[in-house]
Amino acid sequence: MLRSFFAKEEGQGLVEYALILALIAIVVIGVLTVLGRNVNNKLSTVGSALK
C-alpha cells in the first residue's frame, strides 16, 4: 500500500511537469511567431532599400 502511494505521487509530479513544459512551449512558440514576423518585416525593408 505504501509503495502504490509513492507511485501515485510520482505520476502526479510527472503530469505537473508536463503541464508546465506545455505552457512554456506555448509561450515560446507565441514569442517566436511574433518576433519572426518582426524580423521578416525588417529584413524585407532592408532588402527593398538595397534594391
N, C-alpha and C. Protein backbone atom coordinates (compact mmCIF):
# COMPACT_ATOMS: atom_id res chain seq x y z
N MET A 1 0.82 -1.19 0.00
CA MET A 1 0.00 0.00 0.00
C MET A 1 0.87 1.26 0.00
N LEU A 2 1.93 1.26 0.78
CA LEU A 2 2.83 2.40 0.84
C LEU A 2 3.50 2.63 -0.52
N ARG A 3 3.86 1.55 -1.18
CA ARG A 3 4.53 1.65 -2.48
C ARG A 3 3.59 2.27 -3.52
N SER A 4 2.33 1.88 -3.55
CA SER A 4 1.39 2.44 -4.53
C SER A 4 1.13 3.93 -4.26
N PHE A 5 1.21 4.34 -3.00
CA PHE A 5 1.04 5.76 -2.68
C PHE A 5 2.14 6.59 -3.32
N PHE A 6 3.39 6.13 -3.20
CA PHE A 6 4.51 6.86 -3.79
C PHE A 6 4.44 6.83 -5.32
N ALA A 7 3.98 5.76 -5.89
CA ALA A 7 3.85 5.66 -7.34
C ALA A 7 2.85 6.69 -7.85
N LYS A 8 1.76 6.88 -7.10
CA LYS A 8 0.77 7.89 -7.50
C LYS A 8 1.35 9.29 -7.40
N GLU A 9 2.15 9.53 -6.37
CA GLU A 9 2.78 10.85 -6.21
C GLU A 9 3.74 11.13 -7.35
N GLU A 10 4.53 10.14 -7.76
CA GLU A 10 5.46 10.34 -8.86
C GLU A 10 4.69 10.63 -10.16
N GLY A 11 3.61 9.93 -10.39
CA GLY A 11 2.81 10.16 -11.58
C GLY A 11 2.22 11.56 -11.58
N GLN A 12 1.78 12.00 -10.43
CA GLN A 12 1.21 13.35 -10.32
C GLN A 12 2.29 14.39 -10.61
N GLY A 13 3.48 14.18 -10.10
CA GLY A 13 4.59 15.10 -10.35
C GLY A 13 4.93 15.17 -11.82
N LEU A 14 4.91 14.02 -12.48
CA LEU A 14 5.21 13.99 -13.91
C LEU A 14 4.16 14.75 -14.70
N VAL A 15 2.91 14.62 -14.32
CA VAL A 15 1.84 15.35 -15.00
C VAL A 15 2.01 16.85 -14.81
N GLU A 16 2.38 17.26 -13.61
CA GLU A 16 2.58 18.68 -13.35
C GLU A 16 3.74 19.22 -14.17
N TYR A 17 4.84 18.47 -14.25
CA TYR A 17 5.97 18.90 -15.07
C TYR A 17 5.58 18.97 -16.54
N ALA A 18 4.79 18.01 -16.99
CA ALA A 18 4.35 18.01 -18.39
C ALA A 18 3.49 19.24 -18.69
N LEU A 19 2.61 19.60 -17.76
CA LEU A 19 1.77 20.79 -17.96
C LEU A 19 2.61 22.07 -17.98
N ILE A 20 3.60 22.14 -17.11
CA ILE A 20 4.48 23.31 -17.09
C ILE A 20 5.25 23.40 -18.39
N LEU A 21 5.78 22.27 -18.86
CA LEU A 21 6.52 22.27 -20.12
C LEU A 21 5.63 22.65 -21.29
N ALA A 22 4.38 22.19 -21.28
CA ALA A 22 3.45 22.54 -22.34
C ALA A 22 3.17 24.05 -22.34
N LEU A 23 2.98 24.63 -21.16
CA LEU A 23 2.75 26.08 -21.07
C LEU A 23 3.97 26.86 -21.56
N ILE A 24 5.15 26.42 -21.17
CA ILE A 24 6.37 27.09 -21.62
C ILE A 24 6.49 26.99 -23.14
N ALA A 25 6.19 25.82 -23.69
CA ALA A 25 6.27 25.64 -25.14
C ALA A 25 5.30 26.55 -25.86
N ILE A 26 4.09 26.70 -25.34
CA ILE A 26 3.10 27.58 -25.96
C ILE A 26 3.58 29.03 -25.95
N VAL A 27 4.14 29.46 -24.82
CA VAL A 27 4.64 30.84 -24.72
C VAL A 27 5.81 31.05 -25.67
N VAL A 28 6.73 30.10 -25.74
CA VAL A 28 7.88 30.23 -26.63
C VAL A 28 7.44 30.27 -28.08
N ILE A 29 6.51 29.43 -28.46
CA ILE A 29 6.00 29.44 -29.84
C ILE A 29 5.35 30.77 -30.16
N GLY A 30 4.58 31.31 -29.22
CA GLY A 30 3.94 32.61 -29.44
C GLY A 30 4.96 33.72 -29.60
N VAL A 31 5.97 33.73 -28.75
CA VAL A 31 7.00 34.77 -28.82
C VAL A 31 7.78 34.65 -30.13
N LEU A 32 8.14 33.43 -30.51
CA LEU A 32 8.89 33.24 -31.75
C LEU A 32 8.05 33.63 -32.97
N THR A 33 6.77 33.39 -32.91
CA THR A 33 5.89 33.78 -34.02
C THR A 33 5.88 35.29 -34.17
N VAL A 34 5.72 36.01 -33.07
CA VAL A 34 5.69 37.48 -33.12
C VAL A 34 7.05 38.02 -33.56
N LEU A 35 8.12 37.53 -32.95
CA LEU A 35 9.45 38.01 -33.30
C LEU A 35 9.80 37.63 -34.74
N GLY A 36 9.38 36.47 -35.17
CA GLY A 36 9.66 36.03 -36.54
C GLY A 36 9.03 36.96 -37.55
N ARG A 37 7.82 37.39 -37.29
CA ARG A 37 7.15 38.34 -38.19
C ARG A 37 7.89 39.67 -38.22
N ASN A 38 8.30 40.14 -37.04
CA ASN A 38 9.01 41.42 -36.97
C ASN A 38 10.35 41.35 -37.70
N VAL A 39 11.07 40.27 -37.50
CA VAL A 39 12.36 40.10 -38.18
C VAL A 39 12.14 40.00 -39.68
N ASN A 40 11.14 39.28 -40.10
CA ASN A 40 10.84 39.16 -41.52
C ASN A 40 10.52 40.53 -42.13
N ASN A 41 9.73 41.32 -41.42
CA ASN A 41 9.39 42.66 -41.91
C ASN A 41 10.63 43.54 -42.01
N LYS A 42 11.50 43.47 -41.01
CA LYS A 42 12.73 44.28 -41.03
C LYS A 42 13.64 43.86 -42.18
N LEU A 43 13.79 42.56 -42.39
CA LEU A 43 14.64 42.08 -43.49
C LEU A 43 14.05 42.46 -44.84
N SER A 44 12.75 42.44 -44.96
CA SER A 44 12.11 42.85 -46.20
C SER A 44 12.36 44.32 -46.46
N THR A 45 12.29 45.12 -45.43
CA THR A 45 12.54 46.57 -45.55
C THR A 45 13.98 46.83 -45.96
N VAL A 46 14.92 46.12 -45.36
CA VAL A 46 16.33 46.28 -45.71
C VAL A 46 16.57 45.82 -47.14
N GLY A 47 15.98 44.71 -47.53
CA GLY A 47 16.12 44.21 -48.89
C GLY A 47 15.57 45.16 -49.92
N SER A 48 14.43 45.76 -49.62
CA SER A 48 13.83 46.74 -50.54
C SER A 48 14.71 48.00 -50.64
N ALA A 49 15.30 48.40 -49.53
CA ALA A 49 16.15 49.60 -49.52
C ALA A 49 17.43 49.37 -50.31
N LEU A 50 17.92 48.14 -50.34
CA LEU A 50 19.15 47.84 -51.05
C LEU A 50 18.96 47.77 -52.57
N LYS A 51 17.74 47.55 -53.01
CA LYS A 51 17.49 47.42 -54.46
C LYS A 51 17.60 48.73 -55.17
